[in-house]
N, C-alpha and C. Protein backbone atom coordinates (compact mmCIF):
# COMPACT_ATOMS: atom_id res chain seq x y z
N MET A 1 30.58 57.43 36.06
CA MET A 1 31.15 57.41 34.72
C MET A 1 31.73 56.02 34.48
N SER A 2 31.50 55.47 33.32
CA SER A 2 31.98 54.12 33.04
C SER A 2 33.46 54.11 32.73
N ARG A 3 34.07 52.95 32.93
CA ARG A 3 35.50 52.79 32.65
C ARG A 3 35.78 53.06 31.18
N GLU A 4 34.87 52.68 30.29
CA GLU A 4 35.07 52.91 28.87
C GLU A 4 35.22 54.40 28.57
N LYS A 5 34.38 55.22 29.17
CA LYS A 5 34.49 56.67 28.98
C LYS A 5 35.81 57.17 29.56
N ASP A 6 36.18 56.63 30.70
CA ASP A 6 37.45 57.02 31.31
C ASP A 6 38.61 56.73 30.36
N LEU A 7 38.58 55.58 29.69
CA LEU A 7 39.67 55.22 28.79
C LEU A 7 39.74 56.16 27.60
N SER A 8 38.61 56.62 27.12
CA SER A 8 38.64 57.58 26.01
C SER A 8 39.30 58.88 26.47
N ARG A 9 39.01 59.28 27.69
CA ARG A 9 39.65 60.49 28.23
C ARG A 9 41.14 60.28 28.46
N LEU A 10 41.50 59.09 28.90
CA LEU A 10 42.91 58.77 29.10
C LEU A 10 43.66 58.91 27.77
N VAL A 11 43.15 58.30 26.73
CA VAL A 11 43.83 58.33 25.43
C VAL A 11 43.95 59.76 24.93
N ARG A 12 42.87 60.51 25.01
CA ARG A 12 42.90 61.89 24.53
C ARG A 12 43.87 62.74 25.37
N SER A 13 43.81 62.59 26.69
CA SER A 13 44.70 63.36 27.56
C SER A 13 46.15 63.04 27.29
N LEU A 14 46.46 61.77 27.15
CA LEU A 14 47.83 61.35 26.86
C LEU A 14 48.30 61.97 25.55
N ARG A 15 47.48 61.85 24.54
CA ARG A 15 47.84 62.36 23.22
C ARG A 15 48.07 63.87 23.26
N GLU A 16 47.17 64.58 23.93
CA GLU A 16 47.30 66.03 23.99
C GLU A 16 48.52 66.46 24.80
N ARG A 17 48.77 65.77 25.90
CA ARG A 17 49.93 66.14 26.73
C ARG A 17 51.25 65.87 26.01
N LEU A 18 51.26 64.85 25.16
CA LEU A 18 52.47 64.56 24.40
C LEU A 18 52.52 65.36 23.10
N ASP A 19 51.48 66.15 22.86
CA ASP A 19 51.38 66.97 21.65
C ASP A 19 51.50 66.11 20.39
N LEU A 20 50.69 65.03 20.37
CA LEU A 20 50.69 64.11 19.24
C LEU A 20 49.34 64.11 18.55
N THR A 21 49.35 63.90 17.25
CA THR A 21 48.11 63.66 16.53
C THR A 21 47.68 62.22 16.79
N GLN A 22 46.48 61.89 16.41
CA GLN A 22 46.04 60.50 16.54
C GLN A 22 46.96 59.58 15.73
N GLU A 23 47.37 60.04 14.56
CA GLU A 23 48.24 59.24 13.71
C GLU A 23 49.59 58.97 14.39
N ARG A 24 50.15 60.00 15.01
CA ARG A 24 51.47 59.83 15.65
C ARG A 24 51.37 58.97 16.92
N LEU A 25 50.29 59.12 17.67
CA LEU A 25 50.11 58.25 18.84
C LEU A 25 49.96 56.81 18.38
N ALA A 26 49.21 56.60 17.32
CA ALA A 26 49.04 55.25 16.79
C ALA A 26 50.39 54.64 16.42
N ALA A 27 51.24 55.43 15.79
CA ALA A 27 52.58 54.95 15.42
C ALA A 27 53.40 54.60 16.65
N ARG A 28 53.32 55.43 17.69
CA ARG A 28 54.07 55.16 18.93
C ARG A 28 53.61 53.87 19.60
N LEU A 29 52.30 53.58 19.47
CA LEU A 29 51.74 52.39 20.10
C LEU A 29 51.72 51.18 19.18
N ASP A 30 52.14 51.39 17.93
CA ASP A 30 52.13 50.33 16.92
C ASP A 30 50.73 49.77 16.68
N VAL A 31 49.78 50.71 16.59
CA VAL A 31 48.39 50.37 16.24
C VAL A 31 47.98 51.27 15.08
N THR A 32 46.79 51.06 14.57
CA THR A 32 46.33 51.88 13.45
C THR A 32 45.73 53.19 13.96
N PHE A 33 45.72 54.17 13.08
CA PHE A 33 45.04 55.44 13.37
C PHE A 33 43.59 55.17 13.74
N ALA A 34 42.96 54.26 13.01
CA ALA A 34 41.54 53.96 13.26
C ALA A 34 41.32 53.47 14.69
N SER A 35 42.27 52.71 15.21
CA SER A 35 42.14 52.22 16.58
C SER A 35 42.13 53.38 17.56
N VAL A 36 43.09 54.28 17.43
CA VAL A 36 43.15 55.44 18.33
C VAL A 36 41.88 56.27 18.20
N ASN A 37 41.43 56.47 16.99
CA ASN A 37 40.22 57.24 16.75
C ASN A 37 39.02 56.58 17.43
N ARG A 38 38.89 55.26 17.30
CA ARG A 38 37.77 54.55 17.94
C ARG A 38 37.87 54.63 19.46
N TRP A 39 39.08 54.56 20.01
CA TRP A 39 39.24 54.66 21.46
C TRP A 39 38.77 56.02 21.95
N GLU A 40 39.20 57.06 21.26
CA GLU A 40 38.84 58.41 21.69
C GLU A 40 37.36 58.70 21.54
N ASN A 41 36.73 58.05 20.58
CA ASN A 41 35.31 58.29 20.33
C ASN A 41 34.41 57.24 20.96
N ARG A 42 34.99 56.45 21.87
CA ARG A 42 34.24 55.47 22.67
C ARG A 42 33.56 54.39 21.84
N ARG A 43 34.11 54.10 20.69
CA ARG A 43 33.56 53.01 19.88
C ARG A 43 34.29 51.71 20.11
N ALA A 44 35.41 51.77 20.83
CA ALA A 44 36.19 50.58 21.16
C ALA A 44 37.06 50.91 22.36
N THR A 45 37.60 49.87 22.98
CA THR A 45 38.53 50.08 24.09
C THR A 45 39.86 49.44 23.72
N PRO A 46 40.94 49.98 24.25
CA PRO A 46 42.26 49.42 23.96
C PRO A 46 42.39 47.99 24.49
N SER A 47 43.13 47.18 23.76
CA SER A 47 43.41 45.80 24.20
C SER A 47 44.31 45.85 25.43
N ARG A 48 44.49 44.72 26.06
CA ARG A 48 45.38 44.66 27.23
C ARG A 48 46.80 45.08 26.85
N LEU A 49 47.25 44.61 25.69
CA LEU A 49 48.60 44.97 25.23
C LEU A 49 48.70 46.48 25.00
N ALA A 50 47.69 47.05 24.34
CA ALA A 50 47.70 48.50 24.11
C ALA A 50 47.68 49.25 25.43
N MET A 51 46.93 48.76 26.41
CA MET A 51 46.89 49.42 27.72
C MET A 51 48.26 49.38 28.39
N LYS A 52 48.99 48.29 28.24
CA LYS A 52 50.35 48.22 28.79
C LYS A 52 51.25 49.26 28.12
N GLN A 53 51.10 49.41 26.80
CA GLN A 53 51.90 50.39 26.07
C GLN A 53 51.52 51.81 26.47
N ILE A 54 50.23 52.05 26.64
CA ILE A 54 49.75 53.37 27.08
C ILE A 54 50.31 53.67 28.47
N GLU A 55 50.25 52.68 29.35
CA GLU A 55 50.79 52.87 30.70
C GLU A 55 52.28 53.21 30.63
N GLY A 56 53.01 52.55 29.75
CA GLY A 56 54.43 52.84 29.60
C GLY A 56 54.67 54.28 29.18
N LEU A 57 53.86 54.78 28.24
CA LEU A 57 54.00 56.18 27.82
C LEU A 57 53.68 57.14 28.97
N VAL A 58 52.64 56.82 29.73
CA VAL A 58 52.29 57.66 30.87
C VAL A 58 53.43 57.69 31.89
N ARG A 59 54.01 56.54 32.15
CA ARG A 59 55.12 56.46 33.11
C ARG A 59 56.32 57.27 32.62
N GLN A 60 56.58 57.26 31.32
CA GLN A 60 57.70 58.01 30.75
C GLN A 60 57.51 59.52 30.91
N MET A 61 56.28 59.96 31.08
CA MET A 61 56.00 61.38 31.21
C MET A 61 56.45 61.94 32.56
N GLY A 62 56.69 61.09 33.52
CA GLY A 62 57.10 61.55 34.84
C GLY A 62 56.00 62.37 35.51
N LYS A 63 56.38 63.51 36.08
CA LYS A 63 55.42 64.36 36.81
C LYS A 63 54.23 64.76 35.97
N ARG A 64 54.44 65.01 34.67
CA ARG A 64 53.34 65.45 33.80
C ARG A 64 52.24 64.40 33.69
N GLY A 65 52.57 63.14 33.95
CA GLY A 65 51.57 62.08 33.83
C GLY A 65 51.15 61.46 35.13
N GLU A 66 51.63 62.00 36.25
CA GLU A 66 51.32 61.41 37.56
C GLU A 66 49.84 61.27 37.83
N ASP A 67 49.07 62.31 37.50
CA ASP A 67 47.63 62.23 37.77
C ASP A 67 46.97 61.14 36.92
N LEU A 68 47.40 60.99 35.68
CA LEU A 68 46.84 59.94 34.83
C LEU A 68 47.23 58.56 35.36
N LEU A 69 48.45 58.44 35.81
CA LEU A 69 48.92 57.17 36.35
C LEU A 69 48.08 56.74 37.54
N HIS A 70 47.82 57.69 38.44
CA HIS A 70 47.02 57.37 39.63
C HIS A 70 45.56 57.10 39.28
N ARG A 71 45.03 57.86 38.34
CA ARG A 71 43.62 57.71 37.98
C ARG A 71 43.33 56.41 37.25
N TYR A 72 44.23 56.00 36.36
CA TYR A 72 43.93 54.88 35.48
C TYR A 72 44.73 53.61 35.76
N PHE A 73 45.84 53.72 36.50
CA PHE A 73 46.70 52.56 36.65
C PHE A 73 47.03 52.23 38.09
N ASP A 74 46.24 52.69 39.04
CA ASP A 74 46.46 52.31 40.42
C ASP A 74 46.32 50.79 40.54
N GLU A 75 47.05 50.22 41.46
CA GLU A 75 47.08 48.77 41.63
C GLU A 75 45.69 48.15 41.77
N GLU A 76 44.77 48.83 42.44
CA GLU A 76 43.45 48.26 42.65
C GLU A 76 42.66 48.12 41.37
N ASP A 77 43.02 48.88 40.31
CA ASP A 77 42.31 48.82 39.04
C ASP A 77 42.81 47.68 38.15
N VAL A 78 43.97 47.12 38.47
CA VAL A 78 44.58 46.12 37.59
C VAL A 78 43.98 44.77 37.82
């Protein structure tokens, strides 16, 4: 599976676990709704800055986000 597909799953999983709409996740990340929509539909990938913000949200989740943290943000992937 490509990293791009993985990122779409990351964004969707994060959004669903936080019980946010695409619009609300976009607001939390200070990006447009269209950006989140494109990420989830594999038409674009998050910028480095957006990935840092996404990582921050995952870290804030604590135990609920541990699996996402290990899958997408392990040191070897950076």
